[in-house]
C-alpha atoms as a PDB file:
ATOM      1  CA  UNK A   1      -0.131   0.179   0.167  1.00  0.00           C
ATOM      2  CA  UNK A   2       1.553   3.637  -1.358  1.00  0.00           C
ATOM      3  CA  UNK A   3       2.511   5.542   1.983  1.00  0.00           C
ATOM      4  CA  UNK A   4      -0.740   8.458   3.721  1.00  0.00           C
ATOM      5  CA  UNK A   5       0.343  11.758   2.604  1.00  0.00           C
ATOM      6  CA  UNK A   6      -0.675  13.955   6.118  1.00  0.00           C
ATOM      7  CA  UNK A   7      -0.445  17.775   6.043  1.00  0.00           C
ATOM      8  CA  UNK A   8       0.435  19.600   9.009  1.00  0.00           C
ATOM      9  CA  UNK A   9      -2.153  22.028   9.193  1.00  0.00           C
ATOM     10  CA  UNK A  10      -1.158  25.176  12.465  1.00  0.00           C
ATOM     11  CA  UNK A  11      -1.981  28.935  13.065  1.00  0.00           C
ATOM     12  CA  UNK A  12      -3.724  31.493  15.416  1.00  0.00           C
ATOM     13  CA  UNK A  13      -6.061  31.642  16.930  1.00  0.00           C
ATOM     14  CA  UNK A  14      -9.014  33.126  14.165  1.00  0.00           C
ATOM     15  CA  UNK A  15      -6.855  32.609  11.562  1.00  0.00           C
ATOM     16  CA  UNK A  16      -8.852  31.021   9.066  1.00  0.00           C
ATOM     17  CA  UNK A  17      -8.352  27.926   9.934  1.00  0.00           C
ATOM     18  CA  UNK A  18     -11.751  26.350  10.489  1.00  0.00           C
ATOM     19  CA  UNK A  19     -12.908  27.831   7.236  1.00  0.00           C
ATOM     20  CA  UNK A  20     -10.273  26.441   4.921  1.00  0.00           C
ATOM     21  CA  UNK A  21     -11.290  22.895   7.111  1.00  0.00           C
ATOM     22  CA  UNK A  22     -14.904  23.618   6.735  1.00  0.00           C
ATOM     23  CA  UNK A  23     -13.759  23.915   2.543  1.00  0.00           C
ATOM     24  CA  UNK A  24     -11.042  20.546   2.317  1.00  0.00           C
ATOM     25  CA  UNK A  25     -14.255  18.748   3.981  1.00  0.00           C
ATOM     26  CA  UNK A  26     -17.060  19.183   2.641  1.00  0.00           C
ATOM     27  CA  UNK A  27     -16.298  20.827  -0.978  1.00  0.00           C
ATOM     28  CA  UNK A  28     -17.083  17.904  -3.288  1.00  0.00           C
ATOM     29  CA  UNK A  29     -13.322  17.401  -5.177  1.00  0.00           C
ATOM     30  CA  UNK A  30     -13.134  13.645  -5.236  1.00  0.00           C
ATOM     31  CA  UNK A  31     -10.485  13.520  -2.529  1.00  0.00           C
ATOM     32  CA  UNK A  32     -11.481  11.196   0.165  1.00  0.00           C
ATOM     33  CA  UNK A  33      -9.780  13.658   3.017  1.00  0.00           C
ATOM     34  CA  UNK A  34      -9.380  12.283   6.841  1.00  0.00           C
ATOM     35  CA  UNK A  35      -9.543  15.077   9.372  1.00  0.00           C
ATOM     36  CA  UNK A  36      -7.631  14.464  12.880  1.00  0.00           C
ATOM     37  CA  UNK A  37      -8.265  17.158  14.739  1.00  0.00           C
ATOM     38  CA  UNK A  38      -6.259  17.639  17.621  1.00  0.00           C
ATOM     39  CA  UNK A  39      -7.515  20.092  19.562  1.00  0.00           C
ATOM     40  CA  UNK A  40      -7.919  20.945  23.469  1.00  0.00           C
ATOM     41  CA  UNK A  41     -11.617  22.239  24.325  1.00  0.00           C
ATOM     42  CA  UNK A  42     -11.367  25.292  22.431  1.00  0.00           C
ATOM     43  CA  UNK A  43     -13.437  26.210  19.837  1.00  0.00           C
ATOM     44  CA  UNK A  44     -13.321  23.775  16.842  1.00  0.00           C
ATOM     45  CA  UNK A  45     -15.048  22.488  13.657  1.00  0.00           C
ATOM     46  CA  UNK A  46     -17.358  19.979  15.403  1.00  0.00           C
ATOM     47  CA  UNK A  47     -19.839  22.439  16.356  1.00  0.00           C
ATOM     48  CA  UNK A  48     -21.170  22.969  13.025  1.00  0.00           C
ATOM     49  CA  UNK A  49     -20.629  19.656  11.203  1.00  0.00           C
ATOM     50  CA  UNK A  50     -20.214  16.823  13.793  1.00  0.00           C
ATOM     51  CA  UNK A  51     -22.273  16.211  16.720  1.00  0.00           C
ATOM     52  CA  UNK A  52     -19.483  16.021  20.181  1.00  0.00           C
ATOM     53  CA  UNK A  53     -21.262  13.824  22.361  1.00  0.00           C
ATOM     54  CA  UNK A  54     -20.980  10.618  20.104  1.00  0.00           C
ATOM     55  CA  UNK A  55     -19.197   8.317  21.579  1.00  0.00           C
ATOM     56  CA  UNK A  56     -17.524   7.364  18.170  1.00  0.00           C
ATOM     57  CA  UNK A  57     -14.239   8.502  17.400  1.00  0.00           C
ATOM     58  CA  UNK A  58     -14.198   8.505  13.405  1.00  0.00           C
ATOM     59  CA  UNK A  59     -17.535  10.518  11.846  1.00  0.00           C
ATOM     60  CA  UNK A  60     -17.900   9.833   8.121  1.00  0.00           C
ATOM     61  CA  UNK A  61     -19.250  11.992   6.279  1.00  0.00           C
ATOM     62  CA  UNK A  62     -21.285  12.096   3.731  1.00  0.00           C
ATOM     63  CA  UNK A  63     -18.964  12.693   0.913  1.00  0.00           C
ATOM     64  CA  UNK A  64     -16.293  10.376   1.864  1.00  0.00           C
ATOM     65  CA  UNK A  65     -14.205  12.475   3.961  1.00  0.00           C
ATOM     66  CA  UNK A  66     -13.714  11.449   7.655  1.00  0.00           C
ATOM     67  CA  UNK A  67     -13.519  13.239  11.212  1.00  0.00           C
ATOM     68  CA  UNK A  68     -12.352  12.377  14.529  1.00  0.00           C
ATOM     69  CA  UNK A  69     -11.184  14.243  17.319  1.00  0.00           C
ATOM     70  CA  UNK A  70      -8.375  13.206  19.551  1.00  0.00           C
ATOM     71  CA  UNK A  71      -8.750  11.760  22.947  1.00  0.00           C
ATOM     72  CA  UNK A  72      -5.584  10.150  22.568  1.00  0.00           C
ATOM     73  CA  UNK A  73      -2.273  11.012  21.739  1.00  0.00           C
ATOM     74  CA  UNK A  74      -1.430  11.578  18.056  1.00  0.00           C
ATOM     75  CA  UNK A  75       0.140   8.683  17.341  1.00  0.00           C
ATOM     76  CA  UNK A  76      -2.419   6.078  18.361  1.00  0.00           C
ATOM     77  CA  UNK A  77      -5.507   7.867  16.072  1.00  0.00           C
ATOM     78  CA  UNK A  78      -2.946   7.766  13.091  1.00  0.00           C
ATOM     79  CA  UNK A  79      -2.555   3.620  13.871  1.00  0.00           C
ATOM     80  CA  UNK A  80      -6.417   3.143  13.958  1.00  0.00           C
ATOM     81  CA  UNK A  81      -7.073   4.950  10.637  1.00  0.00           C
ATOM     82  CA  UNK A  82      -4.318   3.369   9.033  1.00  0.00           C
ATOM     83  CA  UNK A  83      -5.383  -0.009  10.547  1.00  0.00           C
ATOM     84  CA  UNK A  84      -9.067   0.406   9.858  1.00  0.00           C
ATOM     85  CA  UNK A  85      -7.514   1.585   5.937  1.00  0.00           C
ATOM     86  CA  UNK A  86      -5.776  -1.424   5.338  1.00  0.00           C
ATOM     87  CA  UNK A  87      -8.531  -3.753   6.340  1.00  0.00           C
ATOM     88  CA  UNK A  88     -10.992  -1.739   4.364  1.00  0.00           C
ATOM     89  CA  UNK A  89     -13.040  -0.278   6.125  1.00  0.00           C
ATOM     90  CA  UNK A  90     -12.081   3.330   6.061  1.00  0.00           C
ATOM     91  CA  UNK A  91     -11.272   5.128   2.660  1.00  0.00           C
ATOM     92  CA  UNK A  92      -9.615   8.005   2.551  1.00  0.00           C
ATOM     93  CA  UNK A  93      -6.416   8.749   1.194  1.00  0.00           C
ATOM     94  CA  UNK A  94      -5.016  11.221   3.147  1.00  0.00           C
ATOM     95  CA  UNK A  95      -4.812  13.561   6.682  1.00  0.00           C
ATOM     96  CA  UNK A  96      -4.847  16.277   7.515  1.00  0.00           C
ATOM     97  CA  UNK A  97      -3.914  17.238  11.081  1.00  0.00           C
ATOM     98  CA  UNK A  98      -5.163  20.547  12.476  1.00  0.00           C
ATOM     99  CA  UNK A  99      -3.157  21.863  15.726  1.00  0.00           C
ATOM    100  CA  UNK A 100      -4.345  23.987  18.339  1.00  0.00           C
ATOM    101  CA  UNK A 101      -3.447  27.532  17.815  1.00  0.00           C
ATOM    102  CA  UNK A 102      -1.316  27.501  20.547  1.00  0.00           C
ATOM    103  CA  UNK A 103       0.477  24.191  19.881  1.00  0.00           C
ATOM    104  CA  UNK A 104       3.638  23.870  18.374  1.00  0.00           C
ATOM    105  CA  UNK A 105       3.981  22.159  15.396  1.00  0.00           C
ATOM    106  CA  UNK A 106       7.807  20.392  16.178  1.00  0.00           C
ATOM    107  CA  UNK A 107       6.594  17.465  18.316  1.00  0.00           C
ATOM    108  CA  UNK A 108       3.636  16.389  15.825  1.00  0.00           C
ATOM    109  CA  UNK A 109       6.115  16.729  12.596  1.00  0.00           C
ATOM    110  CA  UNK A 110       8.014  14.295  15.167  1.00  0.00           C
ATOM    111  CA  UNK A 111       5.687  11.468  15.618  1.00  0.00           C
ATOM    112  CA  UNK A 112       6.505  11.510  11.683  1.00  0.00           C
ATOM    113  CA  UNK A 113      10.233   9.958  11.746  1.00  0.00           C
ATOM    114  CA  UNK A 114      10.642   8.884  15.025  1.00  0.00           C
ATOM    115  CA  UNK A 115       7.886   5.549  15.137  1.00  0.00           C
ATOM    116  CA  UNK A 116       8.125   3.265  12.717  1.00  0.00           C
ATOM    117  CA  UNK A 117       4.723   1.982  12.708  1.00  0.00           C
ATOM    118  CA  UNK A 118       4.131   5.459  11.489  1.00  0.00           C
ATOM    119  CA  UNK A 119       6.726   5.600   8.923  1.00  0.00           C
ATOM    120  CA  UNK A 120       5.270   2.525   7.196  1.00  0.00           C
ATOM    121  CA  UNK A 121       2.121   4.312   6.487  1.00  0.00           C
ATOM    122  CA  UNK A 122       2.526   7.780   6.082  1.00  0.00           C
ATOM    123  CA  UNK A 123       4.340  10.556   4.031  1.00  0.00           C
ATOM    124  CA  UNK A 124       4.618  13.684   6.054  1.00  0.00           C
ATOM    125  CA  UNK A 125       3.599  16.288   3.231  1.00  0.00           C
ATOM    126  CA  UNK A 126       4.007  19.322   4.695  1.00  0.00           C
ATOM    127  CA  UNK A 127       2.958  22.027   7.427  1.00  0.00           C
ATOM    128  CA  UNK A 128       1.068  25.030   6.671  1.00  0.00           C
ATOM    129  CA  UNK A 129       0.652  27.954   8.623  1.00  0.00           C
ATOM    130  CA  UNK A 130      -1.802  30.735   8.685  1.00  0.00           C
ATOM    131  CA  UNK A 131      -1.659  34.109   9.216  1.00  0.00           C
ATOM    132  CA  UNK A 132      -3.708  36.972  10.831  1.00  0.00           C
ATOM    133  CA  UNK A 133      -2.576  39.748   8.729  1.00  0.00           C
ATOM    134  CA  UNK A 134      -4.530  42.199  11.196  1.00  0.00           C
ATOM    135  CA  UNK A 135      -3.608  40.692  14.406  1.00  0.00           C
ATOM    136  CA  UNK A 136      -0.028  39.148  12.959  1.00  0.00           C
ATOM    137  CA  UNK A 137       2.097  41.827  14.827  1.00  0.00           C
ATOM    138  CA  UNK A 138       0.424  41.488  18.313  1.00  0.00           C
ATOM    139  CA  UNK A 139       0.868  37.828  17.938  1.00  0.00           C
ATOM    140  CA  UNK A 140       3.857  37.498  16.800  1.00  0.00           C
ATOM    141  CA  UNK A 141       5.048  40.320  18.978  1.00  0.00           C
ATOM    142  CA  UNK A 142       3.298  38.355  22.399  1.00  0.00           C
ATOM    143  CA  UNK A 143       3.845  35.156  21.780  1.00  0.00           C
ATOM    144  CA  UNK A 144       6.512  32.577  21.251  1.00  0.00           C
ATOM    145  CA  UNK A 145       4.110  29.876  19.698  1.00  0.00           C
ATOM    146  CA  UNK A 146       3.477  31.785  17.234  1.00  0.00           C
ATOM    147  CA  UNK A 147       6.272  32.802  15.785  1.00  0.00           C
ATOM    148  CA  UNK A 148       7.349  29.181  16.281  1.00  0.00           C
ATOM    149  CA  UNK A 149       4.271  28.369  13.815  1.00  0.00           C
ATOM    150  CA  UNK A 150       5.488  30.437  11.414  1.00  0.00           C
ATOM    151  CA  UNK A 151       9.509  29.305  11.932  1.00  0.00           C
ATOM    152  CA  UNK A 152       8.276  26.117  10.945  1.00  0.00           C
ATOM    153  CA  UNK A 153       5.560  26.594   8.018  1.00  0.00           C
ATOM    154  CA  UNK A 154       6.692  24.922   4.168  1.00  0.00           C
ATOM    155  CA  UNK A 155       4.106  27.453   3.354  1.00  0.00           C
ATOM    156  CA  UNK A 156       2.200  30.407   4.774  1.00  0.00           C
ATOM    157  CA  UNK A 157      -1.091  31.966   4.145  1.00  0.00           C
ATOM    158  CA  UNK A 158      -1.745  35.898   5.137  1.00  0.00           C
ATOM    159  CA  UNK A 159      -5.617  35.836   6.302  1.00  0.00           C
ATOM    160  CA  UNK A 160      -7.233  38.785   6.420  1.00  0.00           C
ATOM    161  CA  UNK A 161      -5.415  41.065   4.097  1.00  0.00           C
ATOM    162  CA  UNK A 162      -8.500  43.117   3.234  1.00  0.00           C
ATOM    163  CA  UNK A 163      -8.665  44.145   6.566  1.00  0.00           C
ATOM    164  CA  UNK A 164      -5.173  46.179   6.279  1.00  0.00           C
ATOM    165  CA  UNK A 165      -3.375  48.508   4.417  1.00  0.00           C
ATOM    166  CA  UNK A 166      -1.377  47.813   1.776  1.00  0.00           C
ATOM    167  CA  UNK A 167       1.782  49.140   3.794  1.00  0.00           C
ATOM    168  CA  UNK A 168       0.849  47.007   6.813  1.00  0.00           C
ATOM    169  CA  UNK A 169       0.893  43.767   4.725  1.00  0.00           C
ATOM    170  CA  UNK A 170       3.982  44.478   2.933  1.00  0.00           C
ATOM    171  CA  UNK A 171       5.753  45.322   6.766  1.00  0.00           C
ATOM    172  CA  UNK A 172       4.419  41.441   7.628  1.00  0.00           C
ATOM    173  CA  UNK A 173       5.801  39.859   4.586  1.00  0.00           C
ATOM    174  CA  UNK A 174       8.962  41.395   5.234  1.00  0.00           C
ATOM    175  CA  UNK A 175       8.710  39.427   9.167  1.00  0.00           C
ATOM    176  CA  UNK A 176       7.750  36.430   7.941  1.00  0.00           C
ATOM    177  CA  UNK A 177      10.120  36.227   5.182  1.00  0.00           C
ATOM    178  CA  UNK A 178      13.178  36.912   7.703  1.00  0.00           C
ATOM    179  CA  UNK A 179      11.722  34.716  10.342  1.00  0.00           C
ATOM    180  CA  UNK A 180      11.314  31.921   7.816  1.00  0.00           C
ATOM    181  CA  UNK A 181      12.655  32.981   4.384  1.00  0.00           C
ATOM    182  CA  UNK A 182      12.175  28.893   2.890  1.00  0.00           C
ATOM    183  CA  UNK A 183       8.207  28.779   3.055  1.00  0.00           C
ATOM    184  CA  UNK A 184       6.777  30.721   0.023  1.00  0.00           C
ATOM    185  CA  UNK A 185       3.629  32.716   1.348  1.00  0.00           C
ATOM    186  CA  UNK A 186       0.197  33.762  -0.071  1.00  0.00           C
ATOM    187  CA  UNK A 187      -2.498  36.145   0.547  1.00  0.00           C
ATOM    188  CA  UNK A 188      -6.023  34.326   0.844  1.00  0.00           C
ATOM    189  CA  UNK A 189      -9.305  35.185   1.540  1.00  0.00           C
ATOM    190  CA  UNK A 190     -11.006  33.634   4.149  1.00  0.00           C
ATOM    191  CA  UNK A 191      -9.165  30.947   4.169  1.00  0.00           C
ATOM    192  CA  UNK A 192     -10.365  30.176   0.804  1.00  0.00           C
ATOM    193  CA  UNK A 193      -7.238  28.215  -0.471  1.00  0.00           C
ATOM    194  CA  UNK A 194      -7.652  26.606  -3.872  1.00  0.00           C
ATOM    195  CA  UNK A 195      -6.182  22.545  -3.254  1.00  0.00           C
ATOM    196  CA  UNK A 196      -3.085  22.867  -5.005  1.00  0.00           C
ATOM    197  CA  UNK A 197      -1.695  25.266  -2.914  1.00  0.00           C
ATOM    198  CA  UNK A 198      -2.212  23.086   0.009  1.00  0.00           C
ATOM    199  CA  UNK A 199      -1.333  19.405  -0.544  1.00  0.00           C
ATOM    200  CA  UNK A 200       1.151  17.130  -2.250  1.00  0.00           C
ATOM    201  CA  UNK A 201       3.510  20.755  -1.370  1.00  0.00           C
ATOM    202  CA  UNK A 202       6.122  18.004  -0.531  1.00  0.00           C
ATOM    203  CA  UNK A 203       7.815  20.554   1.941  1.00  0.00           C
ATOM    204  CA  UNK A 204       9.176  17.194   3.723  1.00  0.00           C
ATOM    205  CA  UNK A 205      11.106  15.859   0.370  1.00  0.00           C
ATOM    206  CA  UNK A 206      15.110  15.818   0.709  1.00  0.00           C
ATOM    207  CA  UNK A 207      14.658  17.344  -2.607  1.00  0.00           C
ATOM    208  CA  UNK A 208      17.576  18.894  -4.694  1.00  0.00           C
ATOM    209  CA  UNK A 209      15.814  22.378  -4.400  1.00  0.00           C
ATOM    210  CA  UNK A 210      16.236  25.217  -1.466  1.00  0.00           C
ATOM    211  CA  UNK A 211      14.118  27.758  -2.317  1.00  0.00           C
ATOM    212  CA  UNK A 212      14.957  30.781  -0.077  1.00  0.00           C
ATOM    213  CA  UNK A 213      13.285  33.858  -0.967  1.00  0.00           C
ATOM    214  CA  UNK A 214      15.586  35.674  -3.327  1.00  0.00           C
ATOM    215  CA  UNK A 215      15.545  39.268  -1.553  1.00  0.00           C
ATOM    216  CA  UNK A 216      15.996  37.188   1.756  1.00  0.00           C
ATOM    217  CA  UNK A 217      19.504  36.461  -0.194  1.00  0.00           C
ATOM    218  CA  UNK A 218      20.307  39.885  -0.991  1.00  0.00           C
ATOM    219  CA  UNK A 219      20.096  41.093   2.013  1.00  0.00           C
ATOM    220  CA  UNK A 220      21.943  38.814   3.367  1.00  0.00           C
ATOM    221  CA  UNK A 221      24.777  39.410   0.349  1.00  0.00           C
ATOM    222  CA  UNK A 222      25.912  42.585   1.848  1.00  0.00           C
ATOM    223  CA  UNK A 223      25.698  41.719   5.823  1.00  0.00           C
ATOM    224  CA  UNK A 224      27.392  38.887   5.309  1.00  0.00           C
ATOM    225  CA  UNK A 225      30.531  40.165   6.988  1.00  0.00           C
ATOM    226  CA  UNK A 226      29.343  41.402  10.270  1.00  0.00           C
ATOM    227  CA  UNK A 227      27.848  37.745  11.817  1.00  0.00           C
ATOM    228  CA  UNK A 228      25.471  39.916  14.060  1.00  0.00           C
ATOM    229  CA  UNK A 229      21.940  39.505  12.636  1.00  0.00           C
ATOM    230  CA  UNK A 230      20.834  41.795   9.659  1.00  0.00           C
ATOM    231  CA  UNK A 231      18.480  43.447  11.256  1.00  0.00           C
ATOM    232  CA  UNK A 232      20.906  45.930  12.714  1.00  0.00           C
ATOM    233  CA  UNK A 233      23.289  46.619   9.978  1.00  0.00           C
ATOM    234  CA  UNK A 234      21.480  47.385   6.693  1.00  0.00           C
ATOM    235  CA  UNK A 235      21.733  50.864   6.946  1.00  0.00           C
ATOM    236  CA  UNK A 236      21.505  52.628   3.564  1.00  0.00           C
ATOM    237  CA  UNK A 237      20.290  49.006   1.404  1.00  0.00           C
ATOM    238  CA  UNK A 238      17.560  48.259   3.572  1.00  0.00           C
ATOM    239  CA  UNK A 239      14.426  49.775   1.875  1.00  0.00           C
ATOM    240  CA  UNK A 240      11.738  49.259   5.227  1.00  0.00           C
ATOM    241  CA  UNK A 241      12.806  51.206   7.501  1.00  0.00           C
ATOM    242  CA  UNK A 242       9.869  50.256   9.900  1.00  0.00           C
ATOM    243  CA  UNK A 243      10.699  46.436   9.895  1.00  0.00           C
ATOM    244  CA  UNK A 244      13.569  47.184  12.809  1.00  0.00           C
ATOM    245  CA  UNK A 245      11.094  47.995  15.285  1.00  0.00           C
ATOM    246  CA  UNK A 246      10.940  43.877  15.391  1.00  0.00           C
ATOM    247  CA  UNK A 247      14.085  41.896  16.949  1.00  0.00           C
ATOM    248  CA  UNK A 248      11.834  38.500  17.010  1.00  0.00           C
ATOM    249  CA  UNK A 249      13.422  35.823  18.532  1.00  0.00           C
ATOM    250  CA  UNK A 250      12.508  33.062  15.121  1.00  0.00           C
ATOM    251  CA  UNK A 251      15.121  34.004  12.410  1.00  0.00           C
ATOM    252  CA  UNK A 252      17.163  32.907  10.338  1.00  0.00           C
ATOM    253  CA  UNK A 253      20.168  32.665   8.626  1.00  0.00           C
ATOM    254  CA  UNK A 254      21.817  31.186   5.220  1.00  0.00           C
ATOM    255  CA  UNK A 255      25.291  29.703   4.628  1.00  0.00           C
ATOM    256  CA  UNK A 256      26.883  29.240   1.486  1.00  0.00           C
ATOM    257  CA  UNK A 257      30.468  28.127   0.283  1.00  0.00           C
ATOM    258  CA  UNK A 258      31.764  27.400  -3.079  1.00  0.00           C
ATOM    259  CA  UNK A 259      34.312  24.986  -1.274  1.00  0.00           C
ATOM    260  CA  UNK A 260      33.592  21.737  -0.744  1.00  0.00           C
ATOM    261  CA  UNK A 261      32.838  20.151   2.761  1.00  0.00           C
ATOM    262  CA  UNK A 262      35.108  17.420   4.636  1.00  0.00           C
ATOM    263  CA  UNK A 263      32.322  15.016   5.808  1.00  0.00           C
ATOM    264  CA  UNK A 264      33.527  13.712   8.456  1.00  0.00           C
ATOM    265  CA  UNK A 265      34.354  17.807  10.093  1.00  0.00           C
ATOM    266  CA  UNK A 266      30.849  18.407   9.315  1.00  0.00           C
ATOM    267  CA  UNK A 267      29.002  15.358  10.023  1.00  0.00           C
ATOM    268  CA  UNK A 268      30.778  16.329  13.585  1.00  0.00           C
ATOM    269  CA  UNK A 269      29.687  19.537  13.942  1.00  0.00           C
ATOM    270  CA  UNK A 270      26.188  19.125  13.225  1.00  0.00           C
ATOM    271  CA  UNK A 271      25.761  16.307  15.346  1.00  0.00           C
ATOM    272  CA  UNK A 272      27.348  18.757  18.556  1.00  0.00           C
ATOM    273  CA  UNK A 273      24.800  21.433  17.258  1.00  0.00           C
ATOM    274  CA  UNK A 274      22.080  19.708  17.493  1.00  0.00           C
ATOM    275  CA  UNK A 275      23.062  17.633  20.949  1.00  0.00           C
ATOM    276  CA  UNK A 276      23.285  21.717  22.281  1.00  0.00           C
ATOM    277  CA  UNK A 277      20.762  23.682  20.136  1.00  0.00           C
ATOM    278  CA  UNK A 278      18.121  21.214  18.882  1.00  0.00           C
ATOM    279  CA  UNK A 279      15.008  22.128  20.691  1.00  0.00           C
ATOM    280  CA  UNK A 280      15.513  25.764  19.623  1.00  0.00           C
ATOM    281  CA  UNK A 281      16.121  24.647  16.018  1.00  0.00           C
ATOM    282  CA  UNK A 282      13.071  24.630  14.262  1.00  0.00           C
ATOM    283  CA  UNK A 283      13.429  23.707  10.697  1.00  0.00           C
ATOM    284  CA  UNK A 284      16.123  23.932   8.264  1.00  0.00           C
ATOM    285  CA  UNK A 285      18.056  22.012   5.246  1.00  0.00           C
ATOM    286  CA  UNK A 286      20.752  22.658   2.833  1.00  0.00           C
ATOM    287  CA  UNK A 287      22.069  21.215  -0.590  1.00  0.00           C
ATOM    288  CA  UNK A 288      25.648  20.205   0.085  1.00  0.00           C
ATOM    289  CA  UNK A 289      28.964  20.030  -2.490  1.00  0.00           C
ATOM    290  CA  UNK A 290      30.859  17.409  -0.441  1.00  0.00           C
ATOM    291  CA  UNK A 291      33.993  15.718  -1.033  1.00  0.00           C
ATOM    292  CA  UNK A 292      34.021  12.244  -2.138  1.00  0.00           C
ATOM    293  CA  UNK A 293      30.918  12.711  -3.775  1.00  0.00           C
ATOM    294  CA  UNK A 294      29.678  13.221  -7.720  1.00  0.00           C
ATOM    295  CA  UNK A 295      25.971  13.843  -6.367  1.00  0.00           C
ATOM    296  CA  UNK A 296      24.352  17.052  -4.377  1.00  0.00           C
ATOM    297  CA  UNK A 297      23.634  15.809  -0.672  1.00  0.00           C
ATOM    298  CA  UNK A 298      20.348  16.898   0.239  1.00  0.00           C
ATOM    299  CA  UNK A 299      20.001  17.290   4.372  1.00  0.00           C
ATOM    300  CA  UNK A 300      17.375  19.045   6.833  1.00  0.00           C
ATOM    301  CA  UNK A 301      16.029  18.283   9.908  1.00  0.00           C
ATOM    302  CA  UNK A 302      13.077  19.531  12.594  1.00  0.00           C
ATOM    303  CA  UNK A 303      15.010  20.231  15.766  1.00  0.00           C
ATOM    304  CA  UNK A 304      16.644  17.227  16.683  1.00  0.00           C
ATOM    305  CA  UNK A 305      16.382  15.183  14.305  1.00  0.00           C
ATOM    306  CA  UNK A 306      18.293  15.358  11.147  1.00  0.00           C
ATOM    307  CA  UNK A 307      18.347  13.175   7.600  1.00  0.00           C
ATOM    308  CA  UNK A 308      20.280  13.311   4.662  1.00  0.00           C
ATOM    309  CA  UNK A 309      20.152  12.125   1.528  1.00  0.00           C
ATOM    310  CA  UNK A 310      22.219  11.811  -1.493  1.00  0.00           C
ATOM    311  CA  UNK A 311      20.504  14.182  -4.582  1.00  0.00           C
ATOM    312  CA  UNK A 312      21.327  14.008  -8.294  1.00  0.00           C
ATOM    313  CA  UNK A 313      24.881  14.782  -9.889  1.00  0.00           C
ATOM    314  CA  UNK A 314      25.939  18.549  -9.845  1.00  0.00           C
ATOM    315  CA  UNK A 315      25.449  19.207 -13.506  1.00  0.00           C
ATOM    316  CA  UNK A 316      28.099  19.786 -15.707  1.00  0.00           C
ATOM    317  CA  UNK A 317      29.318  23.380 -15.821  1.00  0.00           C
ATOM    318  CA  UNK A 318      26.946  23.838 -12.491  1.00  0.00           C
ATOM    319  CA  UNK A 319      28.185  25.620  -9.804  1.00  0.00           C
ATOM    320  CA  UNK A 320      29.574  23.437  -6.966  1.00  0.00           C
ATOM    321  CA  UNK A 321      27.893  25.859  -3.931  1.00  0.00           C
ATOM    322  CA  UNK A 322      26.370  24.332  -0.637  1.00  0.00           C
ATOM    323  CA  UNK A 323      23.397  26.234   0.510  1.00  0.00           C
ATOM    324  CA  UNK A 324      21.906  25.919   3.560  1.00  0.00           C
ATOM    325  CA  UNK A 325      19.061  27.984   5.797  1.00  0.00           C
ATOM    326  CA  UNK A 326      18.418  27.226   9.392  1.00  0.00           C
ATOM    327  CA  UNK A 327      15.887  28.733  11.195  1.00  0.00           C
ATOM    328  CA  UNK A 328      15.050  29.414  14.728  1.00  0.00           C
ATOM    329  CA  UNK A 329      15.138  30.691  18.297  1.00  0.00           C
ATOM    330  CA  UNK A 330      17.850  32.687  19.215  1.00  0.00           C
ATOM    331  CA  UNK A 331      20.185  30.325  17.592  1.00  0.00           C
ATOM    332  CA  UNK A 332      23.775  31.600  18.140  1.00  0.00           C
ATOM    333  CA  UNK A 333      24.320  32.941  14.113  1.00  0.00           C
ATOM    334  CA  UNK A 334      27.806  33.219  14.877  1.00  0.00           C
ATOM    335  CA  UNK A 335      29.099  29.696  16.224  1.00  0.00           C
ATOM    336  CA  UNK A 336      27.184  28.087  13.114  1.00  0.00           C
ATOM    337  CA  UNK A 337      28.800  30.218  10.168  1.00  0.00           C
ATOM    338  CA  UNK A 338      31.698  29.680  11.559  1.00  0.00           C
ATOM    339  CA  UNK A 339      31.486  26.363  12.791  1.00  0.00           C
ATOM    340  CA  UNK A 340      30.578  25.339   9.087  1.00  0.00           C
ATOM    341  CA  UNK A 341      33.329  27.111   8.012  1.00  0.00           C
ATOM    342  CA  UNK A 342      35.791  24.956   9.670  1.00  0.00           C
ATOM    343  CA  UNK A 343      34.261  21.987   8.467  1.00  0.00           C
ATOM    344  CA  UNK A 344      35.414  23.700   4.526  1.00  0.00           C
ATOM    345  CA  UNK A 345      38.031  20.601   2.770  1.00  0.00           C
END
């Protein structure tokens, strides 16, 4: 049986997750989706669609979608669903897990890698984060969970942009980009997102693409030599003066080098930093030029979990450039960059 794709949907209260879910659940898109509500007594989708009093944990809907509210842990719910699917008792094509507005998506993502049984049934496709343009600034200022959700995202949807001015939206886009330059951002109306933007995004694929927002790299250029966070040193280069107001603890930085990595040194160094900073490392990914192989080496991780793979061969005449992006909470940029520098051949 092929793996069941899973999507983690996260975002702060009021950002439109329920609207998005209702659409996914009620639209006739020909896909059978199991939605797992990982809620803790918040307002949730049940009130409209499901009768919450039922003892039955899994409710089948008329269009073939399935809804369940987690009463035990995520792992047992996923196992139960996969077992019922194998036995032909339930029919669904994919799973969407909605985390609560205050949840850290990290442990949910880790479930898919840590647990062999889950890993044999499911493939984690991506983490989607909904951001409410009207309240985002305050939420990001006040709540680390909101910042973490942004750091984890493979794709960011910004809702309610019609309620704020263009300058505010631009400032928010810029702010989110500094926190997470690898997640594309899309502005959506009331959580109404075309399904192709929601599913099969392959955010966790170890593929040879490392999409980092090009503007972010440009800004990184003239800042490369100072070390510190690139919020202080822009001076005249930065056409976004309003952005200096935020010094978020969730930040990202990029390491690039044309020299090859020494595999042993790099493995030791990454092992050491993941050991120390793992809980503060949200997402990281790299496409690396490694001594001793003609192929690209692709690596990525969530918290302490790190995986790597051999990718395609470097093309003839293609510049062999290692690129890595780290997204985390107050990570010591200088230690990372200097350490990586020392792992080069």
